[in-house]
Amino acid sequence: MAKVGEVCRRVRSKNAGPFWITIDLFFDGEDNFRRYRDSDMLGPAVIAALYDTDAKLVKQAPVDSLQMIKISYPRPRPQGWAGERDMHGGQQFVRLLAVELD
């Protein structure tokens, strides 16, 4: 089974304001991009389960010209709260790398 980390040439995460995180999945080719772009394997339910959020709030935006998918979800607490461990959201992508796609 292929994993996200195997079919993407780059995966990154970052803040999308103080209340949202965005993950960018840059696929390693057009075939993989098209295969997973509209797949439920990276759908809102999967993201919601990984990041403990409501699937109805997960946003996805494919960017065909870059062969990438932008996924955004609400942070559980605003950026900078007292127990913050990833102020810039830069490590949030890691748990997505091992998601099996096939």
PDB file of N, CA and C in Angstrom:
ATOM      1  N   MET A   1       0.837  -1.189   0.000  1.00  0.00           N
ATOM      2  CA  MET A   1       0.000   0.000   0.000  1.00  0.00           C
ATOM      3  C   MET A   1       0.879   1.250   0.000  1.00  0.00           C
ATOM      4  N   ALA A   2       0.533   2.196  -0.824  1.00  0.00           N
ATOM      5  CA  ALA A   2       1.263   3.464  -0.880  1.00  0.00           C
ATOM      6  C   ALA A   2       0.847   4.340   0.301  1.00  0.00           C
ATOM      7  N   LYS A   3       1.782   5.116   0.773  1.00  0.00           N
ATOM      8  CA  LYS A   3       1.515   6.059   1.849  1.00  0.00           C
ATOM      9  C   LYS A   3       1.699   7.474   1.312  1.00  0.00           C
ATOM     10  N   VAL A   4       1.097   8.426   1.990  1.00  0.00           N
ATOM     11  CA  VAL A   4       1.195   9.819   1.562  1.00  0.00           C
ATOM     12  C   VAL A   4       2.653  10.225   1.365  1.00  0.00           C
ATOM     13  N   GLY A   5       3.516   9.874   2.285  1.00  0.00           N
ATOM     14  CA  GLY A   5       4.926  10.241   2.192  1.00  0.00           C
ATOM     15  C   GLY A   5       5.650   9.637   1.005  1.00  0.00           C
ATOM     16  N   GLU A   6       5.062   8.603   0.385  1.00  0.00           N
ATOM     17  CA  GLU A   6       5.672   7.948  -0.766  1.00  0.00           C
ATOM     18  C   GLU A   6       5.186   8.500  -2.100  1.00  0.00           C
ATOM     19  N   VAL A   7       3.995   9.090  -2.130  1.00  0.00           N
ATOM     20  CA  VAL A   7       3.445   9.595  -3.389  1.00  0.00           C
ATOM     21  C   VAL A   7       3.532  11.117  -3.512  1.00  0.00           C
ATOM     22  N   CYS A   8       4.041  11.751  -2.477  1.00  0.00           N
ATOM     23  CA  CYS A   8       4.204  13.207  -2.506  1.00  0.00           C
ATOM     24  C   CYS A   8       5.687  13.554  -2.487  1.00  0.00           C
ATOM     25  N   ARG A   9       6.072  14.520  -3.305  1.00  0.00           N
ATOM     26  CA  ARG A   9       7.469  14.965  -3.298  1.00  0.00           C
ATOM     27  C   ARG A   9       7.717  15.957  -2.178  1.00  0.00           C
ATOM     28  N   ARG A  10       6.627  16.581  -1.706  1.00  0.00           N
ATOM     29  CA  ARG A  10       6.756  17.523  -0.600  1.00  0.00           C
ATOM     30  C   ARG A  10       5.427  17.606   0.133  1.00  0.00           C
ATOM     31  N   VAL A  11       5.496  17.632   1.452  1.00  0.00           N
ATOM     32  CA  VAL A  11       4.323  17.827   2.292  1.00  0.00           C
ATOM     33  C   VAL A  11       4.726  18.839   3.347  1.00  0.00           C
ATOM     34  N   ARG A  12       3.898  19.852   3.517  1.00  0.00           N
ATOM     35  CA  ARG A  12       4.222  20.877   4.522  1.00  0.00           C
ATOM     36  C   ARG A  12       2.940  21.345   5.202  1.00  0.00           C
ATOM     37  N   SER A  13       3.112  21.908   6.377  1.00  0.00           N
ATOM     38  CA  SER A  13       1.975  22.478   7.097  1.00  0.00           C
ATOM     39  C   SER A  13       2.381  23.841   7.636  1.00  0.00           C
ATOM     40  N   LYS A  14       1.364  24.659   7.869  1.00  0.00           N
ATOM     41  CA  LYS A  14       1.624  26.024   8.353  1.00  0.00           C
ATOM     42  C   LYS A  14       0.327  26.612   8.883  1.00  0.00           C
ATOM     43  N   ASN A  15       0.461  27.707   9.598  1.00  0.00           N
ATOM     44  CA  ASN A  15      -0.716  28.430  10.052  1.00  0.00           C
ATOM     45  C   ASN A  15      -1.442  29.036   8.867  1.00  0.00           C
ATOM     46  N   ALA A  16      -2.742  29.085   8.999  1.00  0.00           N
ATOM     47  CA  ALA A  16      -3.572  29.829   8.049  1.00  0.00           C
ATOM     48  C   ALA A  16      -4.374  30.809   8.903  1.00  0.00           C
ATOM     49  N   GLY A  17      -3.655  31.610   9.645  1.00  0.00           N
ATOM     50  CA  GLY A  17      -4.264  32.501  10.628  1.00  0.00           C
ATOM     51  C   GLY A  17      -4.217  31.852  11.995  1.00  0.00           C
ATOM     52  N   PRO A  18      -4.676  32.532  13.028  1.00  0.00           N
ATOM     53  CA  PRO A  18      -4.566  32.001  14.395  1.00  0.00           C
ATOM     54  C   PRO A  18      -5.531  30.858  14.713  1.00  0.00           C
ATOM     55  N   PHE A  19      -6.478  30.586  13.806  1.00  0.00           N
ATOM     56  CA  PHE A  19      -7.492  29.580  14.105  1.00  0.00           C
ATOM     57  C   PHE A  19      -7.493  28.385  13.149  1.00  0.00           C
ATOM     58  N   TRP A  20      -6.612  28.378  12.145  1.00  0.00           N
ATOM     59  CA  TRP A  20      -6.607  27.323  11.133  1.00  0.00           C
ATOM     60  C   TRP A  20      -5.195  26.845  10.849  1.00  0.00           C
ATOM     61  N   ILE A  21      -5.080  25.587  10.425  1.00  0.00           N
ATOM     62  CA  ILE A  21      -3.837  24.984   9.933  1.00  0.00           C
ATOM     63  C   ILE A  21      -4.081  24.579   8.478  1.00  0.00           C
ATOM     64  N   THR A  22      -3.080  24.762   7.637  1.00  0.00           N
ATOM     65  CA  THR A  22      -3.158  24.320   6.245  1.00  0.00           C
ATOM     66  C   THR A  22      -2.034  23.329   5.972  1.00  0.00           C
ATOM     67  N   ILE A  23      -2.378  22.249   5.284  1.00  0.00           N
ATOM     68  CA  ILE A  23      -1.400  21.247   4.856  1.00  0.00           C
ATOM     69  C   ILE A  23      -1.393  21.242   3.332  1.00  0.00           C
ATOM     70  N   ASP A  24      -0.213  21.311   2.753  1.00  0.00           N
ATOM     71  CA  ASP A  24      -0.049  21.267   1.300  1.00  0.00           C
ATOM     72  C   ASP A  24       0.586  19.938   0.914  1.00  0.00           C
ATOM     73  N   LEU A  25      -0.065  19.212   0.020  1.00  0.00           N
ATOM     74  CA  LEU A  25       0.435  17.939  -0.487  1.00  0.00           C
ATOM     75  C   LEU A  25       0.830  18.131  -1.945  1.00  0.00           C
ATOM     76  N   PHE A  26       2.123  18.118  -2.221  1.00  0.00           N
ATOM     77  CA  PHE A  26       2.632  18.255  -3.586  1.00  0.00           C
ATOM     78  C   PHE A  26       2.952  16.856  -4.096  1.00  0.00           C
ATOM     79  N   PHE A  27       2.168  16.370  -5.041  1.00  0.00           N
ATOM     80  CA  PHE A  27       2.329  15.000  -5.525  1.00  0.00           C
ATOM     81  C   PHE A  27       3.522  14.873  -6.451  1.00  0.00           C
ATOM     82  N   ASP A  28       4.026  13.644  -6.558  1.00  0.00           N
ATOM     83  CA  ASP A  28       5.244  13.392  -7.333  1.00  0.00           C
ATOM     84  C   ASP A  28       4.995  13.222  -8.826  1.00  0.00           C
ATOM     85  N   GLY A  29       3.782  13.426  -9.268  1.00  0.00           N
ATOM     86  CA  GLY A  29       3.465  13.339 -10.692  1.00  0.00           C
ATOM     87  C   GLY A  29       1.976  13.471 -10.924  1.00  0.00           C
ATOM     88  N   GLU A  30       1.621  13.699 -12.165  1.00  0.00           N
ATOM     89  CA  GLU A  30       0.224  13.919 -12.506  1.00  0.00           C
ATOM     90  C   GLU A  30      -0.639  12.693 -12.231  1.00  0.00           C
ATOM     91  N   ASP A  31      -0.104  11.498 -12.468  1.00  0.00           N
ATOM     92  CA  ASP A  31      -0.884  10.280 -12.232  1.00  0.00           C
ATOM     93  C   ASP A  31      -1.307  10.150 -10.773  1.00  0.00           C
ATOM     94  N   ASN A  32      -0.374  10.309  -9.863  1.00  0.00           N
ATOM     95  CA  ASN A  32      -0.719  10.223  -8.436  1.00  0.00           C
ATOM     96  C   ASN A  32      -1.629  11.360  -8.018  1.00  0.00           C
ATOM     97  N   PHE A  33      -1.383  12.548  -8.522  1.00  0.00           N
ATOM     98  CA  PHE A  33      -2.243  13.683  -8.183  1.00  0.00           C
ATOM     99  C   PHE A  33      -3.684  13.388  -8.588  1.00  0.00           C
ATOM    100  N   ARG A  34      -3.882  12.982  -9.821  1.00  0.00           N
ATOM    101  CA  ARG A  34      -5.244  12.722 -10.310  1.00  0.00           C
ATOM    102  C   ARG A  34      -5.887  11.539  -9.570  1.00  0.00           C
ATOM    103  N   ARG A  35      -5.083  10.561  -9.236  1.00  0.00           N
ATOM    104  CA  ARG A  35      -5.606   9.387  -8.537  1.00  0.00           C
ATOM    105  C   ARG A  35      -6.145   9.741  -7.156  1.00  0.00           C
ATOM    106  N   TYR A  36      -5.452  10.599  -6.442  1.00  0.00           N
ATOM    107  CA  TYR A  36      -5.824  10.898  -5.056  1.00  0.00           C
ATOM    108  C   TYR A  36      -6.566  12.217  -4.871  1.00  0.00           C
ATOM    109  N   ARG A  37      -6.611  13.042  -5.895  1.00  0.00           N
ATOM    110  CA  ARG A  37      -7.254  14.360  -5.785  1.00  0.00           C
ATOM    111  C   ARG A  37      -8.696  14.264  -5.293  1.00  0.00           C
ATOM    112  N   ASP A  38      -9.456  13.388  -5.882  1.00  0.00           N
ATOM    113  CA  ASP A  38     -10.880  13.285  -5.543  1.00  0.00           C
ATOM    114  C   ASP A  38     -11.197  12.049  -4.709  1.00  0.00           C
ATOM    115  N   SER A  39     -10.172  11.422  -4.194  1.00  0.00           N
ATOM    116  CA  SER A  39     -10.334  10.180  -3.447  1.00  0.00           C
ATOM    117  C   SER A  39     -10.759  10.442  -1.998  1.00  0.00           C
ATOM    118  N   ASP A  40     -11.557   9.527  -1.479  1.00  0.00           N
ATOM    119  CA  ASP A  40     -11.941   9.600  -0.063  1.00  0.00           C
ATOM    120  C   ASP A  40     -10.783   9.254   0.857  1.00  0.00           C
ATOM    121  N   MET A  41      -9.698   8.699   0.289  1.00  0.00           N
ATOM    122  CA  MET A  41      -8.548   8.306   1.109  1.00  0.00           C
ATOM    123  C   MET A  41      -7.875   9.515   1.748  1.00  0.00           C
ATOM    124  N   LEU A  42      -8.101  10.699   1.188  1.00  0.00           N
ATOM    125  CA  LEU A  42      -7.598  11.947   1.772  1.00  0.00           C
ATOM    126  C   LEU A  42      -8.756  12.908   2.042  1.00  0.00           C
ATOM    127  N   GLY A  43      -9.947  12.340   2.170  1.00  0.00           N
ATOM    128  CA  GLY A  43     -11.150  13.152   2.351  1.00  0.00           C
ATOM    129  C   GLY A  43     -11.286  13.734   3.745  1.00  0.00           C
ATOM    130  N   PRO A  44     -12.299  14.560   3.926  1.00  0.00           N
ATOM    131  CA  PRO A  44     -12.531  15.216   5.219  1.00  0.00           C
ATOM    132  C   PRO A  44     -12.637  14.263   6.402  1.00  0.00           C
ATOM    133  N   ALA A  45     -13.215  13.083   6.203  1.00  0.00           N
ATOM    134  CA  ALA A  45     -13.355  12.139   7.323  1.00  0.00           C
ATOM    135  C   ALA A  45     -11.986  11.667   7.825  1.00  0.00           C
ATOM    136  N   VAL A  46     -11.060  11.425   6.902  1.00  0.00           N
ATOM    137  CA  VAL A  46      -9.711  10.988   7.280  1.00  0.00           C
ATOM    138  C   VAL A  46      -8.985  12.106   8.029  1.00  0.00           C
ATOM    139  N   ILE A  47      -9.052  13.299   7.498  1.00  0.00           N
ATOM    140  CA  ILE A  47      -8.388  14.448   8.128  1.00  0.00           C
ATOM    141  C   ILE A  47      -9.003  14.719   9.506  1.00  0.00           C
ATOM    142  N   ALA A  48     -10.317  14.656   9.593  1.00  0.00           N
ATOM    143  CA  ALA A  48     -10.994  14.891  10.875  1.00  0.00           C
ATOM    144  C   ALA A  48     -10.557  13.886  11.928  1.00  0.00           C
ATOM    145  N   ALA A  49     -10.429  12.623  11.540  1.00  0.00           N
ATOM    146  CA  ALA A  49      -9.998  11.595  12.491  1.00  0.00           C
ATOM    147  C   ALA A  49      -8.554  11.812  12.926  1.00  0.00           C
ATOM    148  N   LEU A  50      -7.686  12.183  12.000  1.00  0.00           N
ATOM    149  CA  LEU A  50      -6.268  12.408  12.329  1.00  0.00           C
ATOM    150  C   LEU A  50      -6.049  13.600  13.243  1.00  0.00           C
ATOM    151  N   TYR A  51      -6.824  14.655  13.008  1.00  0.00           N
ATOM    152  CA  TYR A  51      -6.580  15.915  13.712  1.00  0.00           C
ATOM    153  C   TYR A  51      -7.684  16.275  14.700  1.00  0.00           C
ATOM    154  N   ASP A  52      -8.531  15.303  15.006  1.00  0.00           N
ATOM    155  CA  ASP A  52      -9.577  15.472  16.020  1.00  0.00           C
ATOM    156  C   ASP A  52     -10.385  16.754  15.796  1.00  0.00           C
ATOM    157  N   THR A  53     -10.975  16.833  14.610  1.00  0.00           N
ATOM    158  CA  THR A  53     -11.811  17.981  14.280  1.00  0.00           C
ATOM    159  C   THR A  53     -13.081  17.490  13.594  1.00  0.00           C
ATOM    160  N   ASP A  54     -13.974  18.367  13.292  1.00  0.00           N
ATOM    161  CA  ASP A  54     -15.236  18.056  12.632  1.00  0.00           C
ATOM    162  C   ASP A  54     -15.015  17.982  11.117  1.00  0.00           C
ATOM    163  N   ALA A  55     -15.390  16.869  10.506  1.00  0.00           N
ATOM    164  CA  ALA A  55     -15.202  16.689   9.062  1.00  0.00           C
ATOM    165  C   ALA A  55     -15.915  17.768   8.250  1.00  0.00           C
ATOM    166  N   LYS A  56     -16.994  18.309   8.774  1.00  0.00           N
ATOM    167  CA  LYS A  56     -17.738  19.361   8.064  1.00  0.00           C
ATOM    168  C   LYS A  56     -16.937  20.653   7.959  1.00  0.00           C
ATOM    169  N   LEU A  57     -15.927  20.807   8.812  1.00  0.00           N
ATOM    170  CA  LEU A  57     -15.122  22.030   8.807  1.00  0.00           C
ATOM    171  C   LEU A  57     -13.841  21.900   7.988  1.00  0.00           C
ATOM    172  N   VAL A  58     -13.517  20.693   7.550  1.00  0.00           N
ATOM    173  CA  VAL A  58     -12.300  20.462   6.760  1.00  0.00           C
ATOM    174  C   VAL A  58     -12.523  20.988   5.345  1.00  0.00           C
ATOM    175  N   LYS A  59     -11.556  21.775   4.862  1.00  0.00           N
ATOM    176  CA  LYS A  59     -11.643  22.347   3.514  1.00  0.00           C
ATOM    177  C   LYS A  59     -10.530  21.761   2.650  1.00  0.00           C
ATOM    178  N   GLN A  60     -10.867  21.446   1.406  1.00  0.00           N
ATOM    179  CA  GLN A  60      -9.866  20.922   0.478  1.00  0.00           C
ATOM    180  C   GLN A  60      -9.936  21.705  -0.820  1.00  0.00           C
ATOM    181  N   ALA A  61      -8.765  22.022  -1.365  1.00  0.00           N
ATOM    182  CA  ALA A  61      -8.693  22.764  -2.615  1.00  0.00           C
ATOM    183  C   ALA A  61      -7.572  22.193  -3.473  1.00  0.00           C
ATOM    184  N   PRO A  62      -7.928  21.423  -4.518  1.00  0.00           N
ATOM    185  CA  PRO A  62      -6.883  20.945  -5.430  1.00  0.00           C
ATOM    186  C   PRO A  62      -6.390  22.097  -6.311  1.00  0.00           C
ATOM    187  N   VAL A  63      -5.108  22.084  -6.603  1.00  0.00           N
ATOM    188  CA  VAL A  63      -4.512  23.076  -7.498  1.00  0.00           C
ATOM    189  C   VAL A  63      -3.881  22.280  -8.641  1.00  0.00           C
ATOM    190  N   ASP A  64      -4.642  22.133  -9.718  1.00  0.00           N
ATOM    191  CA  ASP A  64      -4.224  21.275 -10.829  1.00  0.00           C
ATOM    192  C   ASP A  64      -2.884  21.697 -11.423  1.00  0.00           C
ATOM    193  N   SER A  65      -2.667  22.992 -11.577  1.00  0.00           N
ATOM    194  CA  SER A  65      -1.431  23.473 -12.225  1.00  0.00           C
ATOM    195  C   SER A  65      -0.176  23.130 -11.428  1.00  0.00           C
ATOM    196  N   LEU A  66      -0.316  22.917 -10.125  1.00  0.00           N
ATOM    197  CA  LEU A  66       0.824  22.561  -9.270  1.00  0.00           C
ATOM    198  C   LEU A  66       0.794  21.102  -8.836  1.00  0.00           C
ATOM    199  N   GLN A  67      -0.198  20.369  -9.263  1.00  0.00           N
ATOM    200  CA  GLN A  67      -0.389  18.976  -8.860  1.00  0.00           C
ATOM    201  C   GLN A  67      -0.322  18.838  -7.340  1.00  0.00           C
ATOM    202  N   MET A  68      -1.124  19.658  -6.664  1.00  0.00           N
ATOM    203  CA  MET A  68      -1.133  19.653  -5.212  1.00  0.00           C
ATOM    204  C   MET A  68      -2.544  19.824  -4.681  1.00  0.00           C
ATOM    205  N   ILE A  69      -2.701  19.429  -3.433  1.00  0.00           N
ATOM    206  CA  ILE A  69      -3.962  19.605  -2.719  1.00  0.00           C
ATOM    207  C   ILE A  69      -3.670  20.399  -1.461  1.00  0.00           C
ATOM    208  N   LYS A  70      -4.467  21.418  -1.231  1.00  0.00           N
ATOM    209  CA  LYS A  70      -4.381  22.224  -0.009  1.00  0.00           C
ATOM    210  C   LYS A  70      -5.527  21.776   0.894  1.00  0.00           C
ATOM    211  N   ILE A  71      -5.193  21.380   2.106  1.00  0.00           N
ATOM    212  CA  ILE A  71      -6.182  20.930   3.084  1.00  0.00           C
ATOM    213  C   ILE A  71      -6.091  21.849   4.298  1.00  0.00           C
ATOM    214  N   SER A  72      -7.233  22.384   4.722  1.00  0.00           N
ATOM    215  CA  SER A  72      -7.257  23.260   5.896  1.00  0.00           C
ATOM    216  C   SER A  72      -8.258  22.727   6.916  1.00  0.00           C
ATOM    217  N   TYR A  73      -7.895  22.866   8.174  1.00  0.00           N
ATOM    218  CA  TYR A  73      -8.785  22.445   9.254  1.00  0.00           C
ATOM    219  C   TYR A  73      -8.602  23.396  10.433  1.00  0.00           C
ATOM    220  N   PRO A  74      -9.626  23.538  11.275  1.00  0.00           N
ATOM    221  CA  PRO A  74      -9.507  24.460  12.410  1.00  0.00           C
ATOM    222  C   PRO A  74      -8.568  23.911  13.481  1.00  0.00           C
ATOM    223  N   ARG A  75      -7.802  24.817  14.062  1.00  0.00           N
ATOM    224  CA  ARG A  75      -6.955  24.445  15.196  1.00  0.00           C
ATOM    225  C   ARG A  75      -7.852  24.119  16.384  1.00  0.00           C
ATOM    226  N   PRO A  76      -7.437  23.200  17.257  1.00  0.00           N
ATOM    227  CA  PRO A  76      -8.268  22.897  18.424  1.00  0.00           C
ATOM    228  C   PRO A  76      -8.353  24.072  19.403  1.00  0.00           C
ATOM    229  N   ARG A  77      -7.302  24.878  19.419  1.00  0.00           N
ATOM    230  CA  ARG A  77      -7.260  26.098  20.248  1.00  0.00           C
ATOM    231  C   ARG A  77      -6.535  27.169  19.440  1.00  0.00           C
ATOM    232  N   PRO A  78      -6.784  28.427  19.730  1.00  0.00           N
ATOM    233  CA  PRO A  78      -6.101  29.482  18.964  1.00  0.00           C
ATOM    234  C   PRO A  78      -4.578  29.414  19.104  1.00  0.00           C
ATOM    235  N   GLN A  79      -3.902  29.868  18.081  1.00  0.00           N
ATOM    236  CA  GLN A  79      -2.441  29.920  18.101  1.00  0.00           C
ATOM    237  C   GLN A  79      -1.968  30.715  19.321  1.00  0.00           C
ATOM    238  N   GLY A  80      -0.974  30.170  20.002  1.00  0.00           N
ATOM    239  CA  GLY A  80      -0.369  30.867  21.134  1.00  0.00           C
ATOM    240  C   GLY A  80      -0.998  30.576  22.483  1.00  0.00           C
ATOM    241  N   TRP A  81      -1.929  29.635  22.551  1.00  0.00           N
ATOM    242  CA  TRP A  81      -2.525  29.327  23.857  1.00  0.00           C
ATOM    243  C   TRP A  81      -1.439  28.807  24.795  1.00  0.00           C
ATOM    244  N   ALA A  82      -1.703  28.762  26.069  1.00  0.00           N
ATOM    245  CA  ALA A  82      -0.687  28.476  27.087  1.00  0.00           C
ATOM    246  C   ALA A  82       0.034  27.139  26.886  1.00  0.00           C
ATOM    247  N   GLY A  83      -0.617  26.135  26.357  1.00  0.00           N
ATOM    248  CA  GLY A  83       0.014  24.829  26.165  1.00  0.00           C
ATOM    249  C   GLY A  83       0.513  24.593  24.742  1.00  0.00           C
ATOM    250  N   GLU A  84       0.658  25.620  23.973  1.00  0.00           N
ATOM    251  CA  GLU A  84       1.076  25.513  22.562  1.00  0.00           C
ATOM    252  C   GLU A  84       2.402  24.780  22.417  1.00  0.00           C
ATOM    253  N   ARG A  85       2.449  23.810  21.473  1.00  0.00           N
ATOM    254  CA  ARG A  85       3.691  23.076  21.235  1.00  0.00           C
ATOM    255  C   ARG A  85       4.183  23.242  19.793  1.00  0.00           C
ATOM    256  N   ASP A  86       3.357  23.859  18.959  1.00  0.00           N
ATOM    257  CA  ASP A  86       3.736  24.063  17.564  1.00  0.00           C
ATOM    258  C   ASP A  86       3.138  25.398  17.108  1.00  0.00           C
ATOM    259  N   MET A  87       3.748  26.467  17.552  1.00  0.00           N
ATOM    260  CA  MET A  87       3.223  27.815  17.346  1.00  0.00           C
ATOM    261  C   MET A  87       2.923  28.124  15.881  1.00  0.00           C
ATOM    262  N   HIS A  88       3.736  27.617  14.966  1.00  0.00           N
ATOM    263  CA  HIS A  88       3.577  27.964  13.556  1.00  0.00           C
ATOM    264  C   HIS A  88       2.897  26.864  12.736  1.00  0.00           C
ATOM    265  N   GLY A  89       2.527  25.775  13.379  1.00  0.00           N
ATOM    266  CA  GLY A  89       1.847  24.690  12.676  1.00  0.00           C
ATOM    267  C   GLY A  89       2.761  23.910  11.741  1.00  0.00           C
ATOM    268  N   GLY A  90       4.057  24.107  11.850  1.00  0.00           N
ATOM    269  CA  GLY A  90       5.012  23.515  10.922  1.00  0.00           C
ATOM    270  C   GLY A  90       5.242  22.016  11.072  1.00  0.00           C
ATOM    271  N   GLN A  91       4.770  21.413  12.152  1.00  0.00           N
ATOM    272  CA  GLN A  91       4.969  19.973  12.357  1.00  0.00           C
ATOM    273  C   GLN A  91       3.678  19.169  12.211  1.00  0.00           C
ATOM    274  N   GLN A  92       2.592  19.828  11.901  1.00  0.00           N
ATOM    275  CA  GLN A  92       1.299  19.144  11.860  1.00  0.00           C
ATOM    276  C   GLN A  92       1.168  18.135  10.718  1.00  0.00           C
ATOM    277  N   PHE A  93       1.957  18.284   9.679  1.00  0.00           N
ATOM    278  CA  PHE A  93       1.875  17.376   8.527  1.00  0.00           C
ATOM    279  C   PHE A  93       2.375  15.969   8.840  1.00  0.00           C
ATOM    280  N   VAL A  94       3.198  15.800   9.857  1.00  0.00           N
ATOM    281  CA  VAL A  94       3.915  14.546  10.094  1.00  0.00           C
ATOM    282  C   VAL A  94       2.974  13.352  10.227  1.00  0.00           C
ATOM    283  N   ARG A  95       1.902  13.477  10.973  1.00  0.00           N
ATOM    284  CA  ARG A  95       1.015  12.317  11.164  1.00  0.00           C
ATOM    285  C   ARG A  95       0.300  11.909   9.876  1.00  0.00           C
ATOM    286  N   LEU A  96       0.242  12.788   8.891  1.00  0.00           N
ATOM    287  CA  LEU A  96      -0.386  12.466   7.610  1.00  0.00           C
ATOM    288  C   LEU A  96       0.518  11.609   6.716  1.00  0.00           C
ATOM    289  N   LEU A  97       1.818  11.668   6.919  1.00  0.00           N
ATOM    290  CA  LEU A  97       2.773  10.964   6.044  1.00  0.00           C
ATOM    291  C   LEU A  97       2.559   9.454   6.000  1.00  0.00           C
ATOM    292  N   ALA A  98       2.113   8.862   7.078  1.00  0.00           N
ATOM    293  CA  ALA A  98       1.970   7.405   7.162  1.00  0.00           C
ATOM    294  C   ALA A  98       0.578   6.904   6.773  1.00  0.00           C
ATOM    295  N   VAL A  99      -0.306   7.798   6.361  1.00  0.00           N
ATOM    296  CA  VAL A  99      -1.650   7.382   5.965  1.00  0.00           C
ATOM    297  C   VAL A  99      -1.561   6.510   4.706  1.00  0.00           C
ATOM    298  N   GLU A 100      -2.148   5.325   4.780  1.00  0.00           N
ATOM    299  CA  GLU A 100      -2.148   4.391   3.655  1.00  0.00           C
ATOM    300  C   GLU A 100      -3.263   4.763   2.687  1.00  0.00           C
ATOM    301  N   LEU A 101      -2.926   4.773   1.413  1.00  0.00           N
ATOM    302  CA  LEU A 101      -3.836   5.295   0.398  1.00  0.00           C
ATOM    303  C   LEU A 101      -4.552   4.245  -0.433  1.00  0.00           C
ATOM    304  N   ASP A 102      -4.035   3.061  -0.542  1.00  0.00           N
ATOM    305  CA  ASP A 102      -4.656   2.073  -1.430  1.00  0.00           C
ATOM    306  C   ASP A 102      -5.433   1.028  -0.677  1.00  0.00           C
TER     307      ASP A 102
END
